[in-house]
Amino acid sequence: MGAVANIRDYVEARRNDKPLCLAYDACLAMLQSMRTKH
């Protein structure tokens, strides 16, 4: 997975795509929230 993961680079190259960026940021926000709860 570390060799093939491309999602972060893909999103960062398309910062003007608001739905894409929002979906990616939502994943990070949910994971960050879970770590806060932990």
Full PDB file with SEQRES, HELIX, SHEET, SSBOND, CRYST1, ORIGX, SCALE, CONECT and MASTER records, all heavy atoms in Angstrom:
SEQRES   1 A   38  MET GLY ALA VAL ALA ASN ILE ARG ASP TYR VAL GLU ALA          
SEQRES   2 A   38  ARG ARG ASN ASP LYS PRO LEU CYS LEU ALA TYR ASP ALA          
SEQRES   3 A   38  CYS LEU ALA MET LEU GLN SER MET ARG THR LYS HIS              
HELIX    1 AA1 ILE A    7  GLU A   12  1                                   6    
HELIX    2 AA2 LYS A   18  LYS A   37  1                                  20    
CRYST1    1.000    1.000    1.000  90.00  90.00  90.00 P 1           1          
ORIGX1      1.000000  0.000000  0.000000        0.00000                         
ORIGX2      0.000000  1.000000  0.000000        0.00000                         
ORIGX3      0.000000  0.000000  1.000000        0.00000                         
SCALE1      1.000000  0.000000  0.000000        0.00000                         
SCALE2      0.000000  1.000000  0.000000        0.00000                         
SCALE3      0.000000  0.000000  1.000000        0.00000                         
ATOM      1  N   MET A   1       0.830  -1.206   0.000  1.00  0.00           N  
ATOM      2  CA  MET A   1       0.000   0.000   0.000  1.00  0.00           C  
ATOM      3  C   MET A   1       0.863   1.254   0.000  1.00  0.00           C  
ATOM      4  O   MET A   1       0.555   2.246  -0.675  1.00  0.00           O  
ATOM      5  CB  MET A   1      -0.914   0.010   1.224  1.00  0.00           C  
ATOM      6  CG  MET A   1      -2.186  -0.782   1.080  1.00  0.00           C  
ATOM      7  SD  MET A   1      -3.255  -0.142  -0.235  1.00  0.00           S  
ATOM      8  CE  MET A   1      -3.442   1.562   0.299  1.00  0.00           C  
ATOM      9  N   GLY A   2       1.961   1.222   0.761  1.00  0.00           N  
ATOM     10  CA  GLY A   2       2.855   2.374   0.801  1.00  0.00           C  
ATOM     11  C   GLY A   2       3.457   2.684  -0.560  1.00  0.00           C  
ATOM     12  O   GLY A   2       3.789   3.839  -0.857  1.00  0.00           O  
ATOM     13  N   ALA A   3       3.576   1.663  -1.404  1.00  0.00           N  
ATOM     14  CA  ALA A   3       4.160   1.851  -2.729  1.00  0.00           C  
ATOM     15  C   ALA A   3       3.153   2.353  -3.756  1.00  0.00           C  
ATOM     16  O   ALA A   3       3.529   3.011  -4.732  1.00  0.00           O  
ATOM     17  CB  ALA A   3       4.782   0.541  -3.209  1.00  0.00           C  
ATOM     18  N   VAL A   4       1.869   2.058  -3.569  1.00  0.00           N  
ATOM     19  CA  VAL A   4       0.877   2.392  -4.588  1.00  0.00           C  
ATOM     20  C   VAL A   4      -0.068   3.517  -4.179  1.00  0.00           C  
ATOM     21  O   VAL A   4      -0.805   4.036  -5.027  1.00  0.00           O  
ATOM     22  CB  VAL A   4       0.042   1.146  -4.970  1.00  0.00           C  
ATOM     23  CG1 VAL A   4       0.947   0.025  -5.460  1.00  0.00           C  
ATOM     24  CG2 VAL A   4      -0.809   0.682  -3.790  1.00  0.00           C  
ATOM     25  N   ALA A   5      -0.080   3.901  -2.908  1.00  0.00           N  
ATOM     26  CA  ALA A   5      -1.012   4.935  -2.450  1.00  0.00           C  
ATOM     27  C   ALA A   5      -0.790   6.236  -3.217  1.00  0.00           C  
ATOM     28  O   ALA A   5       0.337   6.725  -3.306  1.00  0.00           O  
ATOM     29  CB  ALA A   5      -0.849   5.161  -0.951  1.00  0.00           C  
ATOM     30  N   ASN A   6      -1.849   6.801  -3.756  1.00  0.00           N  
ATOM     31  CA  ASN A   6      -1.720   8.002  -4.584  1.00  0.00           C  
ATOM     32  C   ASN A   6      -2.778   9.057  -4.286  1.00  0.00           C  
ATOM     33  O   ASN A   6      -2.851  10.085  -4.958  1.00  0.00           O  
ATOM     34  CB  ASN A   6      -1.803   7.629  -6.065  1.00  0.00           C  
ATOM     35  CG  ASN A   6      -3.141   6.946  -6.419  1.00  0.00           C  
ATOM     36  OD1 ASN A   6      -4.019   6.809  -5.571  1.00  0.00           O  
ATOM     37  ND2 ASN A   6      -3.278   6.519  -7.671  1.00  0.00           N  
ATOM     38  N   ILE A   7      -3.627   8.812  -3.295  1.00  0.00           N  
ATOM     39  CA  ILE A   7      -4.782   9.678  -3.077  1.00  0.00           C  
ATOM     40  C   ILE A   7      -4.376  11.079  -2.643  1.00  0.00           C  
ATOM     41  O   ILE A   7      -4.891  12.085  -3.156  1.00  0.00           O  
ATOM     42  CB  ILE A   7      -5.736   9.039  -2.042  1.00  0.00           C  
ATOM     43  CG1 ILE A   7      -6.338   7.757  -2.617  1.00  0.00           C  
ATOM     44  CG2 ILE A   7      -6.838  10.020  -1.640  1.00  0.00           C  
ATOM     45  CD1 ILE A   7      -7.197   6.989  -1.643  1.00  0.00           C  
ATOM     46  N   ARG A   8      -3.448  11.191  -1.711  1.00  0.00           N  
ATOM     47  CA  ARG A   8      -3.047  12.520  -1.236  1.00  0.00           C  
ATOM     48  C   ARG A   8      -2.472  13.347  -2.382  1.00  0.00           C  
ATOM     49  O   ARG A   8      -2.845  14.522  -2.562  1.00  0.00           O  
ATOM     50  CB  ARG A   8      -2.039  12.395  -0.099  1.00  0.00           C  
ATOM     51  CG  ARG A   8      -1.525  13.748   0.391  1.00  0.00           C  
ATOM     52  CD  ARG A   8      -0.567  13.604   1.558  1.00  0.00           C  
ATOM     53  NE  ARG A   8      -0.002  14.891   1.952  1.00  0.00           N  
ATOM     54  CZ  ARG A   8       0.819  15.067   2.988  1.00  0.00           C  
ATOM     55  NH1 ARG A   8       1.181  14.028   3.734  1.00  0.00           N  
ATOM     56  NH2 ARG A   8       1.281  16.265   3.272  1.00  0.00           N  
ATOM     57  N   ASP A   9      -1.557  12.765  -3.148  1.00  0.00           N  
ATOM     58  CA  ASP A   9      -0.960  13.503  -4.263  1.00  0.00           C  
ATOM     59  C   ASP A   9      -2.018  13.891  -5.290  1.00  0.00           C  
ATOM     60  O   ASP A   9      -1.971  14.991  -5.860  1.00  0.00           O  
ATOM     61  CB  ASP A   9       0.126  12.650  -4.932  1.00  0.00           C  
ATOM     62  CG  ASP A   9       1.347  12.475  -4.044  1.00  0.00           C  
ATOM     63  OD1 ASP A   9       1.518  13.275  -3.099  1.00  0.00           O  
ATOM     64  OD2 ASP A   9       2.120  11.533  -4.291  1.00  0.00           O  
ATOM     65  N   TYR A  10      -2.971  12.988  -5.518  1.00  0.00           N  
ATOM     66  CA  TYR A  10      -4.024  13.253  -6.503  1.00  0.00           C  
ATOM     67  C   TYR A  10      -4.881  14.444  -6.072  1.00  0.00           C  
ATOM     68  O   TYR A  10      -5.187  15.326  -6.882  1.00  0.00           O  
ATOM     69  CB  TYR A  10      -4.889  12.008  -6.666  1.00  0.00           C  
ATOM     70  CG  TYR A  10      -5.948  12.122  -7.729  1.00  0.00           C  
ATOM     71  CD1 TYR A  10      -5.642  11.865  -9.070  1.00  0.00           C  
ATOM     72  CD2 TYR A  10      -7.251  12.478  -7.412  1.00  0.00           C  
ATOM     73  CE1 TYR A  10      -6.612  11.975 -10.055  1.00  0.00           C  
ATOM     74  CE2 TYR A  10      -8.226  12.588  -8.386  1.00  0.00           C  
ATOM     75  CZ  TYR A  10      -7.900  12.338  -9.711  1.00  0.00           C  
ATOM     76  OH  TYR A  10      -8.853  12.449 -10.688  1.00  0.00           O  
ATOM     77  N   VAL A  11      -5.232  14.479  -4.811  1.00  0.00           N  
ATOM     78  CA  VAL A  11      -6.084  15.570  -4.309  1.00  0.00           C  
ATOM     79  C   VAL A  11      -5.309  16.885  -4.294  1.00  0.00           C  
ATOM     80  O   VAL A  11      -5.830  17.939  -4.701  1.00  0.00           O  
ATOM     81  CB  VAL A  11      -6.609  15.238  -2.897  1.00  0.00           C  
ATOM     82  CG1 VAL A  11      -7.388  16.414  -2.328  1.00  0.00           C  
ATOM     83  CG2 VAL A  11      -7.496  13.998  -2.943  1.00  0.00           C  
ATOM     84  N   GLU A  12      -4.067  16.854  -3.837  1.00  0.00           N  
ATOM     85  CA  GLU A  12      -3.282  18.085  -3.768  1.00  0.00           C  
ATOM     86  C   GLU A  12      -3.065  18.696  -5.149  1.00  0.00           C  
ATOM     87  O   GLU A  12      -2.913  19.909  -5.270  1.00  0.00           O  
ATOM     88  CB  GLU A  12      -1.940  17.808  -3.089  1.00  0.00           C  
ATOM     89  CG  GLU A  12      -2.067  17.566  -1.584  1.00  0.00           C  
ATOM     90  CD  GLU A  12      -0.719  17.387  -0.914  1.00  0.00           C  
ATOM     91  OE1 GLU A  12       0.262  17.062  -1.630  1.00  0.00           O  
ATOM     92  OE2 GLU A  12      -0.648  17.558   0.320  1.00  0.00           O  
ATOM     93  N   ALA A  13      -3.062  17.880  -6.177  1.00  0.00           N  
ATOM     94  CA  ALA A  13      -2.888  18.382  -7.545  1.00  0.00           C  
ATOM     95  C   ALA A  13      -4.187  18.946  -8.114  1.00  0.00           C  
ATOM     96  O   ALA A  13      -4.177  19.522  -9.204  1.00  0.00           O  
ATOM     97  CB  ALA A  13      -2.366  17.258  -8.446  1.00  0.00           C  
ATOM     98  N   ARG A  14      -5.290  18.795  -7.380  1.00  0.00           N  
ATOM     99  CA  ARG A  14      -6.606  19.252  -7.857  1.00  0.00           C  
ATOM    100  C   ARG A  14      -7.313  20.067  -6.779  1.00  0.00           C  
ATOM    101  O   ARG A  14      -8.455  19.797  -6.424  1.00  0.00           O  
ATOM    102  CB  ARG A  14      -7.450  18.041  -8.286  1.00  0.00           C  
ATOM    103  CG  ARG A  14      -6.896  17.341  -9.517  1.00  0.00           C  
ATOM    104  CD  ARG A  14      -7.423  15.927  -9.670  1.00  0.00           C  
ATOM    105  NE  ARG A  14      -6.921  15.311 -10.901  1.00  0.00           N  
ATOM    106  CZ  ARG A  14      -5.705  14.791 -11.012  1.00  0.00           C  
ATOM    107  NH1 ARG A  14      -4.872  14.815  -9.981  1.00  0.00           N  
ATOM    108  NH2 ARG A  14      -5.309  14.252 -12.155  1.00  0.00           N  
ATOM    109  N   ARG A  15      -6.631  21.052  -6.254  1.00  0.00           N  
ATOM    110  CA  ARG A  15      -7.165  21.859  -5.155  1.00  0.00           C  
ATOM    111  C   ARG A  15      -8.404  22.655  -5.550  1.00  0.00           C  
ATOM    112  O   ARG A  15      -9.163  23.097  -4.685  1.00  0.00           O  
ATOM    113  CB  ARG A  15      -6.088  22.809  -4.630  1.00  0.00           C  
ATOM    114  CG  ARG A  15      -4.973  22.086  -3.873  1.00  0.00           C  
ATOM    115  CD  ARG A  15      -3.863  23.028  -3.450  1.00  0.00           C  
ATOM    116  NE  ARG A  15      -2.885  22.343  -2.601  1.00  0.00           N  
ATOM    117  CZ  ARG A  15      -2.909  22.327  -1.275  1.00  0.00           C  
ATOM    118  NH1 ARG A  15      -3.876  22.985  -0.641  1.00  0.00           N  
ATOM    119  NH2 ARG A  15      -2.001  21.693  -0.575  1.00  0.00           N  
ATOM    120  N   ASN A  16      -8.628  22.854  -6.824  1.00  0.00           N  
ATOM    121  CA  ASN A  16      -9.810  23.593  -7.269  1.00  0.00           C  
ATOM    122  C   ASN A  16     -11.052  22.705  -7.358  1.00  0.00           C  
ATOM    123  O   ASN A  16     -12.155  23.200  -7.583  1.00  0.00           O  
ATOM    124  CB  ASN A  16      -9.549  24.235  -8.631  1.00  0.00           C  
ATOM    125  CG  ASN A  16      -8.518  25.348  -8.540  1.00  0.00           C  
ATOM    126  OD1 ASN A  16      -8.420  26.032  -7.523  1.00  0.00           O  
ATOM    127  ND2 ASN A  16      -7.740  25.519  -9.605  1.00  0.00           N  
ATOM    128  N   ASP A  17     -10.866  21.407  -7.198  1.00  0.00           N  
ATOM    129  CA  ASP A  17     -12.000  20.475  -7.226  1.00  0.00           C  
ATOM    130  C   ASP A  17     -12.565  20.397  -5.810  1.00  0.00           C  
ATOM    131  O   ASP A  17     -12.135  19.592  -4.983  1.00  0.00           O  
ATOM    132  CB  ASP A  17     -11.519  19.098  -7.697  1.00  0.00           C  
ATOM    133  CG  ASP A  17     -12.673  18.126  -7.947  1.00  0.00           C  
ATOM    134  OD1 ASP A  17     -13.725  18.296  -7.300  1.00  0.00           O  
ATOM    135  OD2 ASP A  17     -12.504  17.195  -8.751  1.00  0.00           O  
ATOM    136  N   LYS A  18     -13.539  21.267  -5.502  1.00  0.00           N  
ATOM    137  CA  LYS A  18     -14.057  21.389  -4.144  1.00  0.00           C  
ATOM    138  C   LYS A  18     -14.684  20.106  -3.610  1.00  0.00           C  
ATOM    139  O   LYS A  18     -14.434  19.733  -2.465  1.00  0.00           O  
ATOM    140  CB  LYS A  18     -15.060  22.544  -4.069  1.00  0.00           C  
ATOM    141  CG  LYS A  18     -14.431  23.914  -4.312  1.00  0.00           C  
ATOM    142  CD  LYS A  18     -13.307  24.186  -3.312  1.00  0.00           C  
ATOM    143  CE  LYS A  18     -12.688  25.557  -3.539  1.00  0.00           C  
ATOM    144  NZ  LYS A  18     -11.569  25.816  -2.608  1.00  0.00           N  
ATOM    145  N   PRO A  19     -15.521  19.397  -4.371  1.00  0.00           N  
ATOM    146  CA  PRO A  19     -16.086  18.144  -3.838  1.00  0.00           C  
ATOM    147  C   PRO A  19     -15.012  17.125  -3.490  1.00  0.00           C  
ATOM    148  O   PRO A  19     -15.094  16.444  -2.467  1.00  0.00           O  
ATOM    149  CB  PRO A  19     -16.988  17.651  -4.972  1.00  0.00           C  
ATOM    150  CG  PRO A  19     -17.336  18.882  -5.743  1.00  0.00           C  
ATOM    151  CD  PRO A  19     -16.108  19.738  -5.683  1.00  0.00           C  
ATOM    152  N   LEU A  20     -13.990  17.023  -4.337  1.00  0.00           N  
ATOM    153  CA  LEU A  20     -12.897  16.080  -4.091  1.00  0.00           C  
ATOM    154  C   LEU A  20     -12.143  16.453  -2.817  1.00  0.00           C  
ATOM    155  O   LEU A  20     -11.892  15.606  -1.951  1.00  0.00           O  
ATOM    156  CB  LEU A  20     -11.951  16.053  -5.285  1.00  0.00           C  
ATOM    157  CG  LEU A  20     -10.682  15.220  -5.125  1.00  0.00           C  
ATOM    158  CD1 LEU A  20     -11.017  13.737  -5.014  1.00  0.00           C  
ATOM    159  CD2 LEU A  20      -9.720  15.467  -6.303  1.00  0.00           C  
ATOM    160  N   CYS A  21     -11.787  17.724  -2.686  1.00  0.00           N  
ATOM    161  CA  CYS A  21     -11.028  18.178  -1.515  1.00  0.00           C  
ATOM    162  C   CYS A  21     -11.844  18.029  -0.241  1.00  0.00           C  
ATOM    163  O   CYS A  21     -11.308  17.653   0.811  1.00  0.00           O  
ATOM    164  CB  CYS A  21     -10.604  19.638  -1.699  1.00  0.00           C  
ATOM    165  SG  CYS A  21      -9.376  19.895  -2.999  1.00  0.00           S  
ATOM    166  N   LEU A  22     -13.135  18.315  -0.336  1.00  0.00           N  
ATOM    167  CA  LEU A  22     -13.997  18.187   0.840  1.00  0.00           C  
ATOM    168  C   LEU A  22     -14.075  16.737   1.300  1.00  0.00           C  
ATOM    169  O   LEU A  22     -14.007  16.441   2.501  1.00  0.00           O  
ATOM    170  CB  LEU A  22     -15.392  18.717   0.532  1.00  0.00           C  
ATOM    171  CG  LEU A  22     -16.414  18.601   1.660  1.00  0.00           C  
ATOM    172  CD1 LEU A  22     -15.960  19.388   2.883  1.00  0.00           C  
ATOM    173  CD2 LEU A  22     -17.779  19.080   1.199  1.00  0.00           C  
ATOM    174  N   ALA A  23     -14.205  15.815   0.355  1.00  0.00           N  
ATOM    175  CA  ALA A  23     -14.286  14.401   0.709  1.00  0.00           C  
ATOM    176  C   ALA A  23     -12.990  13.919   1.351  1.00  0.00           C  
ATOM    177  O   ALA A  23     -13.011  13.169   2.335  1.00  0.00           O  
ATOM    178  CB  ALA A  23     -14.605  13.578  -0.543  1.00  0.00           C  
ATOM    179  N   TYR A  24     -11.862  14.359   0.805  1.00  0.00           N  
ATOM    180  CA  TYR A  24     -10.567  13.975   1.369  1.00  0.00           C  
ATOM    181  C   TYR A  24     -10.384  14.569   2.771  1.00  0.00           C  
ATOM    182  O   TYR A  24      -9.988  13.870   3.714  1.00  0.00           O  
ATOM    183  CB  TYR A  24      -9.444  14.444   0.447  1.00  0.00           C  
ATOM    184  CG  TYR A  24      -8.046  14.191   0.980  1.00  0.00           C  
ATOM    185  CD1 TYR A  24      -7.521  12.907   1.022  1.00  0.00           C  
ATOM    186  CD2 TYR A  24      -7.247  15.245   1.428  1.00  0.00           C  
ATOM    187  CE1 TYR A  24      -6.234  12.668   1.506  1.00  0.00           C  
ATOM    188  CE2 TYR A  24      -5.977  15.025   1.913  1.00  0.00           C  
ATOM    189  CZ  TYR A  24      -5.470  13.739   1.953  1.00  0.00           C  
ATOM    190  OH  TYR A  24      -4.207  13.511   2.435  1.00  0.00           O  
ATOM    191  N   ASP A  25     -10.688  15.851   2.906  1.00  0.00           N  
ATOM    192  CA  ASP A  25     -10.557  16.496   4.211  1.00  0.00           C  
ATOM    193  C   ASP A  25     -11.493  15.876   5.243  1.00  0.00           C  
ATOM    194  O   ASP A  25     -11.163  15.800   6.428  1.00  0.00           O  
ATOM    195  CB  ASP A  25     -10.850  17.998   4.088  1.00  0.00           C  
ATOM    196  CG  ASP A  25      -9.711  18.760   3.416  1.00  0.00           C  
ATOM    197  OD1 ASP A  25      -8.625  18.180   3.270  1.00  0.00           O  
ATOM    198  OD2 ASP A  25      -9.935  19.923   3.032  1.00  0.00           O  
ATOM    199  N   ALA A  26     -12.666  15.435   4.794  1.00  0.00           N  
ATOM    200  CA  ALA A  26     -13.606  14.792   5.717  1.00  0.00           C  
ATOM    201  C   ALA A  26     -13.019  13.497   6.267  1.00  0.00           C  
ATOM    202  O   ALA A  26     -13.182  13.187   7.452  1.00  0.00           O  
ATOM    203  CB  ALA A  26     -14.935  14.515   5.017  1.00  0.00           C  
ATOM    204  N   CYS A  27     -12.318  12.743   5.426  1.00  0.00           N  
ATOM    205  CA  CYS A  27     -11.659  11.519   5.902  1.00  0.00           C  
ATOM    206  C   CYS A  27     -10.641  11.850   6.978  1.00  0.00           C  
ATOM    207  O   CYS A  27     -10.571  11.190   8.036  1.00  0.00           O  
ATOM    208  CB  CYS A  27     -10.972  10.804   4.741  1.00  0.00           C  
ATOM    209  SG  CYS A  27     -12.078  10.047   3.535  1.00  0.00           S  
ATOM    210  N   LEU A  28      -9.830  12.881   6.730  1.00  0.00           N  
ATOM    211  CA  LEU A  28      -8.822  13.282   7.712  1.00  0.00           C  
ATOM    212  C   LEU A  28      -9.484  13.778   8.992  1.00  0.00           C  
ATOM    213  O   LEU A  28      -9.027  13.470  10.108  1.00  0.00           O  
ATOM    214  CB  LEU A  28      -7.928  14.370   7.127  1.00  0.00           C  
ATOM    215  CG  LEU A  28      -7.077  13.978   5.918  1.00  0.00           C  
ATOM    216  CD1 LEU A  28      -6.320  15.193   5.396  1.00  0.00           C  
ATOM    217  CD2 LEU A  28      -6.095  12.862   6.270  1.00  0.00           C  
ATOM    218  N   ALA A  29     -10.562  14.562   8.838  1.00  0.00           N  
ATOM    219  CA  ALA A  29     -11.253  15.105  10.011  1.00  0.00           C  
ATOM    220  C   ALA A  29     -11.846  13.993  10.863  1.00  0.00           C  
ATOM    221  O   ALA A  29     -11.784  14.034  12.097  1.00  0.00           O  
ATOM    222  CB  ALA A  29     -12.340  16.082   9.581  1.00  0.00           C  
ATOM    223  N   MET A  30     -12.433  12.979  10.217  1.00  0.00           N  
ATOM    224  CA  MET A  30     -13.012  11.867  10.961  1.00  0.00           C  
ATOM    225  C   MET A  30     -11.935  11.070  11.696  1.00  0.00           C  
ATOM    226  O   MET A  30     -12.111  10.670  12.845  1.00  0.00           O  
ATOM    227  CB  MET A  30     -13.776  10.934  10.017  1.00  0.00           C  
ATOM    228  CG  MET A  30     -15.023  11.528   9.387  1.00  0.00           C  
ATOM    229  SD  MET A  30     -16.264  12.043  10.588  1.00  0.00           S  
ATOM    230  CE  MET A  30     -15.946  13.798  10.644  1.00  0.00           C  
ATOM    231  N   LEU A  31     -10.804  10.840  11.024  1.00  0.00           N  
ATOM    232  CA  LEU A  31      -9.723  10.085  11.650  1.00  0.00           C  
ATOM    233  C   LEU A  31      -9.082  10.888  12.779  1.00  0.00           C  
ATOM    234  O   LEU A  31      -8.725  10.341  13.832  1.00  0.00           O  
ATOM    235  CB  LEU A  31      -8.680   9.705  10.593  1.00  0.00           C  
ATOM    236  CG  LEU A  31      -7.587   8.729  11.033  1.00  0.00           C  
ATOM    237  CD1 LEU A  31      -8.183   7.440  11.587  1.00  0.00           C  
ATOM    238  CD2 LEU A  31      -6.653   8.415   9.855  1.00  0.00           C  
ATOM    239  N   GLN A  32      -8.949  12.197  12.578  1.00  0.00           N  
ATOM    240  CA  GLN A  32      -8.418  13.056  13.634  1.00  0.00           C  
ATOM    241  C   GLN A  32      -9.362  13.084  14.834  1.00  0.00           C  
ATOM    242  O   GLN A  32      -8.927  13.048  15.994  1.00  0.00           O  
ATOM    243  CB  GLN A  32      -8.198  14.471  13.098  1.00  0.00           C  
ATOM    244  CG  GLN A  32      -7.459  15.380  14.075  1.00  0.00           C  
ATOM    245  CD  GLN A  32      -7.274  16.769  13.502  1.00  0.00           C  
ATOM    246  OE1 GLN A  32      -8.232  17.383  13.046  1.00  0.00           O  
ATOM    247  NE2 GLN A  32      -6.051  17.267  13.518  1.00  0.00           N  
ATOM    248  N   SER A  33     -10.657  13.131  14.561  1.00  0.00           N  
ATOM    249  CA  SER A  33     -11.645  13.109  15.630  1.00  0.00           C  
ATOM    250  C   SER A  33     -11.562  11.813  16.426  1.00  0.00           C  
ATOM    251  O   SER A  33     -11.653  11.814  17.660  1.00  0.00           O  
ATOM    252  CB  SER A  33     -13.051  13.275  15.036  1.00  0.00           C  
ATOM    253  OG  SER A  33     -14.044  13.100  16.019  1.00  0.00           O  
ATOM    254  N   MET A  34     -11.381  10.697  15.736  1.00  0.00           N  
ATOM    255  CA  MET A  34     -11.270   9.417  16.428  1.00  0.00           C  
ATOM    256  C   MET A  34     -10.050   9.391  17.334  1.00  0.00           C  
ATOM    257  O   MET A  34     -10.097   8.873  18.455  1.00  0.00           O  
ATOM    258  CB  MET A  34     -11.195   8.270  15.416  1.00  0.00           C  
ATOM    259  CG  MET A  34     -11.136   6.887  16.068  1.00  0.00           C  
ATOM    260  SD  MET A  34     -11.239   5.527  14.876  1.00  0.00           S  
ATOM    261  CE  MET A  34      -9.677   5.710  14.024  1.00  0.00           C  
ATOM    262  N   ARG A  35      -8.965   9.976  16.872  1.00  0.00           N  
ATOM    263  CA  ARG A  35      -7.757  10.006  17.707  1.00  0.00           C  
ATOM    264  C   ARG A  35      -7.939  10.926  18.908  1.00  0.00           C  
ATOM    265  O   ARG A  35      -7.391  10.677  19.979  1.00  0.00           O  
ATOM    266  CB  ARG A  35      -6.552  10.425  16.852  1.00  0.00           C  
ATOM    267  CG  ARG A  35      -6.092   9.298  15.930  1.00  0.00           C  
ATOM    268  CD  ARG A  35      -4.767   9.590  15.250  1.00  0.00           C  
ATOM    269  NE  ARG A  35      -4.114   8.348  14.879  1.00  0.00           N  
ATOM    270  CZ  ARG A  35      -3.724   8.022  13.640  1.00  0.00           C  
ATOM    271  NH1 ARG A  35      -3.928   8.878  12.645  1.00  0.00           N  
ATOM    272  NH2 ARG A  35      -3.138   6.862  13.405  1.00  0.00           N  
ATOM    273  N   THR A  36      -8.707  11.996  18.746  1.00  0.00           N  
ATOM    274  CA  THR A  36      -9.019  12.853  19.889  1.00  0.00           C  
ATOM    275  C   THR A  36      -9.828  12.081  20.921  1.00  0.00           C  
ATOM    276  O   THR A  36      -9.575  12.169  22.129  1.00  0.00           O  
ATOM    277  CB  THR A  36      -9.786  14.101  19.434  1.00  0.00           C  
ATOM    278  OG1 THR A  36      -8.950  14.895  18.592  1.00  0.00           O  
ATOM    279  CG2 THR A  36     -10.208  14.944  20.632  1.00  0.00           C  
ATOM    280  N   LYS A  37     -10.809  11.303  20.458  1.00  0.00           N  
ATOM    281  CA  LYS A  37     -11.608  10.494  21.374  1.00  0.00           C  
ATOM    282  C   LYS A  37     -10.742   9.459  22.083  1.00  0.00           C  
ATOM    283  O   LYS A  37     -10.969   9.142  23.257  1.00  0.00           O  
ATOM    284  CB  LYS A  37     -12.737   9.810  20.612  1.00  0.00           C  
ATOM    285  CG  LYS A  37     -13.779  10.775  20.077  1.00  0.00           C  
ATOM    286  CD  LYS A  37     -14.827  10.073  19.232  1.00  0.00           C  
ATOM    287  CE  LYS A  37     -15.838  11.068  18.671  1.00  0.00           C  
ATOM    288  NZ  LYS A  37     -16.844  10.408  17.786  1.00  0.00           N  
ATOM    289  N   HIS A  38      -9.751   8.948  21.383  1.00  0.00           N  
ATOM    290  CA  HIS A  38      -8.851   7.968  22.002  1.00  0.00           C  
ATOM    291  C   HIS A  38      -8.023   8.627  23.108  1.00  0.00           C  
ATOM    292  O   HIS A  38      -7.790   8.024  24.158  1.00  0.00           O  
ATOM    293  CB  HIS A  38      -7.938   7.363  20.936  1.00  0.00           C  
ATOM    294  CG  HIS A  38      -7.051   6.279  21.462  1.00  0.00           C  
ATOM    295  ND1 HIS A  38      -5.703   6.223  21.190  1.00  0.00           N  
ATOM    296  CD2 HIS A  38      -7.311   5.212  22.258  1.00  0.00           C  
ATOM    297  CE1 HIS A  38      -5.177   5.163  21.782  1.00  0.00           C  
ATOM    298  NE2 HIS A  38      -6.138   4.542  22.437  1.00  0.00           N  
TER     299      HIS A  38                                                      
MASTER        0    0    0    2    0    0    0    6  298    1    0    3          
END                                                                             
